[in-house]
Amino acid sequence: MRFDVLTIFPDWFDGPLSTSLLGRAIADGTVTMNLHDLRTYATDKHKSVDDTPYGGGAGMVMRADVLLDACEQVWNDGQDGPYVAGGARPRTVVLTPRGRPFTQEDARTFAAEPRLTLICGRYEGIDERVHDLAATDEISIGDYVVFGGEVAAAVLIEAVVRLLPGVVGNADSPTDESFSEGLLEYPQYTRPETVRGKSVPDVLRSGDHRAVARWRRQQQEELTKRRRPDL
């Protein structure tokens, strides 16, 4: 699977993309990760990617001409034919607080794509014409605001890559966890059997697999009702 990430801070991804299973997936070729510095697509001598907003207001807005040029060049790289304005394009996600909340179902949908283009916003936001002409999806990772879309892109990348075949050693792991069935995951325990006076539930030491399965399901339902009744 191929990712193209458009950002003004490509170095931000050095750590997240080089560690653990994600770093291994990139190293072994399961994932191709291309980081594109948006300033290389700017045409003025200052390499400007932002400007003051029409109508006034605080902050700066990321320019549509720079972002759209970057998207079109990225889309054309590796395509069967040249991208034509208004035509089909790879799945392109703008990371923005105004987007729909990112879900496990989104992760599964994106994992089925051959490639994703991710646009990382900064400043006060992105010129609306980028949303109109480039984005196929607008995604938020929560009801809060961070400095930029890079952290959101990293969350999306991890959630998608771990669903790709062969990335997680135990093939059941991505399907047996929180949100996989609309429920939170059940409590987990390991050795030692007793810690600070708190012991592992007896059912988990019983060897009765049916009883364990029933207990885990009950715990999932109770936890979800208590902590995430919206689910």
Protein backbone atom coordinates (compact mmCIF):
# COMPACT_ATOMS: atom_id res chain seq x y z
CA MET A 1 0.00 0.00 0.00
CA ARG A 2 1.22 3.49 -0.83
CA PHE A 3 0.87 6.63 1.31
CA ASP A 4 1.63 10.15 0.07
CA VAL A 5 1.74 12.70 2.89
CA LEU A 6 1.68 16.40 2.03
CA THR A 7 3.11 18.49 4.88
CA ILE A 8 5.31 21.48 5.62
CA PHE A 9 7.09 19.43 8.31
CA PRO A 10 8.18 16.13 6.73
CA ASP A 11 10.84 15.66 9.43
CA TRP A 12 8.06 15.42 12.02
CA PHE A 13 7.40 11.86 10.82
CA ASP A 14 10.96 10.57 11.33
CA GLY A 15 10.15 9.02 14.70
CA PRO A 16 6.61 7.70 14.19
CA LEU A 17 7.42 6.06 10.86
CA SER A 18 10.61 4.35 11.93
CA THR A 19 9.56 2.44 15.03
CA SER A 20 7.89 -0.85 15.89
CA LEU A 21 5.66 -2.73 13.42
CA LEU A 22 5.00 0.36 11.31
CA GLY A 23 8.72 0.87 10.71
CA ARG A 24 9.07 -2.81 9.86
CA ALA A 25 6.16 -2.67 7.37
CA ILE A 26 7.87 0.22 5.60
CA ALA A 27 11.27 -1.47 5.67
CA ASP A 28 10.00 -4.73 4.18
CA GLY A 29 8.02 -3.01 1.43
CA THR A 30 4.53 -3.83 2.68
CA VAL A 31 4.00 -0.06 2.85
CA THR A 32 5.48 2.64 0.65
CA MET A 33 5.65 5.96 2.45
CA ASN A 34 6.29 9.18 0.49
CA LEU A 35 6.65 12.44 2.41
CA HIS A 36 6.22 15.57 0.29
CA ASP A 37 7.42 18.96 1.54
CA LEU A 38 4.78 21.43 0.39
CA ARG A 39 7.33 24.24 0.17
CA THR A 40 8.94 22.52 -2.81
CA TYR A 41 5.72 23.18 -4.75
CA ALA A 42 5.65 26.92 -3.96
CA THR A 43 6.65 29.17 -6.84
CA ASP A 44 7.69 32.45 -5.18
CA LYS A 45 11.17 33.15 -3.86
CA HIS A 46 10.03 32.86 -0.25
CA LYS A 47 8.46 29.42 -0.84
CA SER A 48 5.19 30.65 0.65
CA VAL A 49 2.49 28.08 1.35
CA ASP A 50 0.09 30.41 3.19
CA ASP A 51 -1.42 33.88 2.98
CA THR A 52 -3.83 36.18 4.83
CA PRO A 53 -7.51 35.24 4.71
CA TYR A 54 -9.97 37.06 2.46
CA GLY A 55 -12.48 38.93 4.59
CA GLY A 56 -9.96 39.45 7.37
CA GLY A 57 -9.40 37.51 10.54
CA ALA A 58 -6.60 36.10 12.64
CA GLY A 59 -3.89 33.80 11.36
CA MET A 60 -2.95 32.54 7.93
CA VAL A 61 -4.59 30.16 5.45
CA MET A 62 -2.82 27.48 3.41
CA ARG A 63 -2.92 28.38 -0.29
CA ALA A 64 -5.05 26.45 -2.75
CA ASP A 65 -2.69 26.89 -5.72
CA VAL A 66 0.26 25.31 -3.90
CA LEU A 67 -1.74 22.44 -2.45
CA LEU A 68 -3.61 21.64 -5.66
CA ASP A 69 -0.38 21.67 -7.71
CA ALA A 70 1.18 19.34 -5.15
CA CYS A 71 -1.81 16.98 -5.20
CA GLU A 72 -1.90 16.77 -8.98
CA GLN A 73 1.81 16.03 -9.25
CA VAL A 74 1.58 13.39 -6.53
CA TRP A 75 -1.50 11.80 -8.08
CA ASN A 76 0.21 11.55 -11.46
CA ASP A 77 3.19 9.74 -9.97
CA GLY A 78 2.49 6.06 -10.49
CA GLN A 79 -0.87 6.50 -12.17
CA ASP A 80 -1.76 4.53 -15.29
CA GLY A 81 -2.31 7.80 -17.13
CA PRO A 82 -2.08 11.52 -16.51
CA TYR A 83 -4.50 13.00 -14.01
CA VAL A 84 -7.04 15.25 -15.71
CA ALA A 85 -8.66 18.00 -13.63
CA GLY A 86 -12.06 16.82 -12.46
CA GLY A 87 -11.28 13.19 -13.20
CA ALA A 88 -10.70 10.18 -11.00
CA ARG A 89 -8.05 10.57 -8.32
CA PRO A 90 -6.61 8.46 -5.52
CA ARG A 91 -8.39 8.57 -2.17
CA THR A 92 -7.33 11.91 -0.70
CA VAL A 93 -7.87 12.72 2.97
CA VAL A 94 -7.67 16.18 4.52
CA LEU A 95 -6.92 15.97 8.25
CA THR A 96 -9.06 18.71 9.79
CA PRO A 97 -10.99 19.33 13.05
CA ARG A 98 -14.12 19.89 11.00
CA GLY A 99 -13.97 16.42 9.44
CA ARG A 100 -16.06 13.43 10.42
CA PRO A 101 -14.74 11.46 13.41
CA PHE A 102 -12.25 8.78 12.41
CA THR A 103 -13.55 5.27 13.14
CA GLN A 104 -12.35 1.69 12.89
CA GLU A 105 -14.67 1.28 9.91
CA ASP A 106 -12.82 4.14 8.17
CA ALA A 107 -9.55 2.36 8.88
CA ARG A 108 -10.87 -0.82 7.27
CA THR A 109 -12.13 1.12 4.25
CA PHE A 110 -8.82 2.92 3.76
CA ALA A 111 -6.85 -0.32 4.21
CA ALA A 112 -8.60 -1.69 1.13
CA GLU A 113 -7.29 1.17 -1.03
CA PRO A 114 -4.08 0.76 -3.08
CA ARG A 115 -2.96 4.26 -2.09
CA LEU A 116 -3.91 7.19 0.12
CA THR A 117 -2.96 10.85 -0.17
CA LEU A 118 -2.99 12.67 3.18
CA ILE A 119 -3.06 16.47 3.42
CA CYS A 120 -1.82 17.90 6.73
CA GLY A 121 -3.32 21.29 7.51
CA ARG A 122 -1.64 24.01 9.53
CA TYR A 123 -2.31 27.59 10.65
CA GLU A 124 -5.97 28.69 10.55
CA GLY A 125 -6.87 26.07 7.99
CA ILE A 126 -6.82 25.27 4.29
CA ASP A 127 -8.33 27.25 1.42
CA GLU A 128 -11.82 25.83 0.83
CA ARG A 129 -11.03 25.12 -2.83
CA VAL A 130 -8.68 22.35 -1.74
CA HIS A 131 -11.57 20.71 0.10
CA ASP A 132 -13.75 21.13 -3.01
CA LEU A 133 -11.28 20.05 -5.69
CA ALA A 134 -8.91 17.60 -3.98
CA ALA A 135 -10.45 15.95 -0.94
CA THR A 136 -12.42 12.74 -1.14
CA ASP A 137 -12.62 12.59 2.68
CA GLU A 138 -12.28 15.00 5.60
CA ILE A 139 -11.23 13.27 8.82
CA SER A 140 -10.90 14.41 12.45
CA ILE A 141 -9.30 12.37 15.24
CA GLY A 142 -11.34 14.07 17.96
CA ASP A 143 -13.15 17.13 19.22
CA TYR A 144 -10.04 19.14 20.02
CA VAL A 145 -7.44 21.15 18.11
CA VAL A 146 -3.70 20.42 17.79
CA PHE A 147 -0.98 22.40 16.03
CA GLY A 148 -1.37 20.61 12.72
CA GLY A 149 -2.54 17.60 10.78
CA GLU A 150 0.69 15.64 11.14
CA VAL A 151 -0.29 13.98 14.41
CA ALA A 152 -3.70 13.10 12.95
CA ALA A 153 -2.04 11.65 9.85
CA ALA A 154 0.20 9.49 12.05
CA VAL A 155 -2.85 8.15 13.90
CA LEU A 156 -4.61 7.32 10.63
CA ILE A 157 -1.52 5.65 9.17
CA GLU A 158 -1.04 3.40 12.20
CA ALA A 159 -4.72 2.43 12.33
CA VAL A 160 -4.69 1.53 8.62
CA VAL A 161 -1.32 -0.20 8.38
CA ARG A 162 -1.99 -2.57 11.30
CA LEU A 163 -4.93 -3.96 9.30
CA LEU A 164 -2.80 -4.87 6.28
CA PRO A 165 -2.10 -8.60 5.86
CA GLY A 166 1.10 -9.74 7.56
CA VAL A 167 1.77 -6.56 9.55
CA VAL A 168 0.50 -7.88 12.89
CA GLY A 169 1.95 -11.27 13.80
CA ASN A 170 -1.27 -12.69 15.23
CA ALA A 171 -3.88 -12.39 12.49
CA ASP A 172 -6.69 -12.40 15.07
CA SER A 173 -5.37 -9.38 16.97
CA PRO A 174 -6.86 -6.65 14.74
CA THR A 175 -10.30 -8.33 14.85
CA ASP A 176 -10.41 -9.13 18.57
CA GLU A 177 -10.14 -5.70 20.17
CA SER A 178 -12.00 -2.49 20.97
CA PHE A 179 -14.40 -1.25 18.27
CA SER A 180 -14.03 -4.37 16.12
CA GLU A 181 -17.63 -5.33 16.95
CA GLY A 182 -18.87 -1.99 18.23
CA LEU A 183 -17.81 -2.84 21.78
CA LEU A 184 -14.84 -1.96 23.95
CA GLU A 185 -12.29 -4.69 24.62
CA TYR A 186 -12.61 -6.90 27.70
CA PRO A 187 -10.09 -6.62 30.61
CA GLN A 188 -6.76 -8.42 30.12
CA TYR A 189 -4.55 -10.07 32.77
CA THR A 190 -1.14 -11.76 32.89
CA ARG A 191 1.35 -12.99 35.51
CA PRO A 192 1.77 -12.65 38.44
CA GLU A 193 -1.55 -14.05 39.62
CA THR A 194 -1.86 -11.58 42.50
CA VAL A 195 -0.62 -7.98 42.54
CA ARG A 196 -1.08 -5.66 45.55
CA GLY A 197 -3.85 -7.90 46.82
CA LYS A 198 -5.78 -7.96 43.55
CA SER A 199 -6.05 -11.35 41.87
CA VAL A 200 -6.86 -12.54 38.38
CA PRO A 201 -10.58 -13.47 38.08
CA ASP A 202 -11.12 -17.14 38.79
CA VAL A 203 -12.87 -17.78 35.48
CA LEU A 204 -9.70 -16.91 33.54
CA ARG A 205 -7.80 -19.61 35.44
CA SER A 206 -10.54 -22.21 35.14
CA GLY A 207 -9.57 -23.70 31.79
CA ASP A 208 -13.24 -23.53 30.75
CA HIS A 209 -13.03 -21.80 27.37
CA ARG A 210 -16.79 -21.35 27.04
CA ALA A 211 -17.00 -19.74 30.46
CA VAL A 212 -14.08 -17.47 29.58
CA ALA A 213 -15.79 -16.43 26.35
CA ARG A 214 -19.04 -15.66 28.20
CA TRP A 215 -17.19 -13.65 30.85
CA ARG A 216 -15.30 -11.65 28.26
CA ARG A 217 -18.47 -10.84 26.32
CA GLN A 218 -20.23 -9.77 29.51
CA GLN A 219 -17.30 -7.53 30.43
CA GLN A 220 -17.31 -5.96 26.96
CA GLU A 221 -20.99 -5.11 27.19
CA GLU A 222 -20.74 -3.74 30.74
CA LEU A 223 -17.66 -1.62 29.96
CA THR A 224 -19.23 -0.24 26.81
CA LYS A 225 -22.48 0.69 28.55
CA ARG A 226 -20.59 2.39 31.36
CA ARG A 227 -17.87 4.21 29.41
CA ARG A 228 -19.18 4.56 25.84
CA PRO A 229 -22.98 4.35 25.86
CA ASP A 230 -22.94 6.10 22.47
CA LEU A 231 -21.64 2.86 20.98
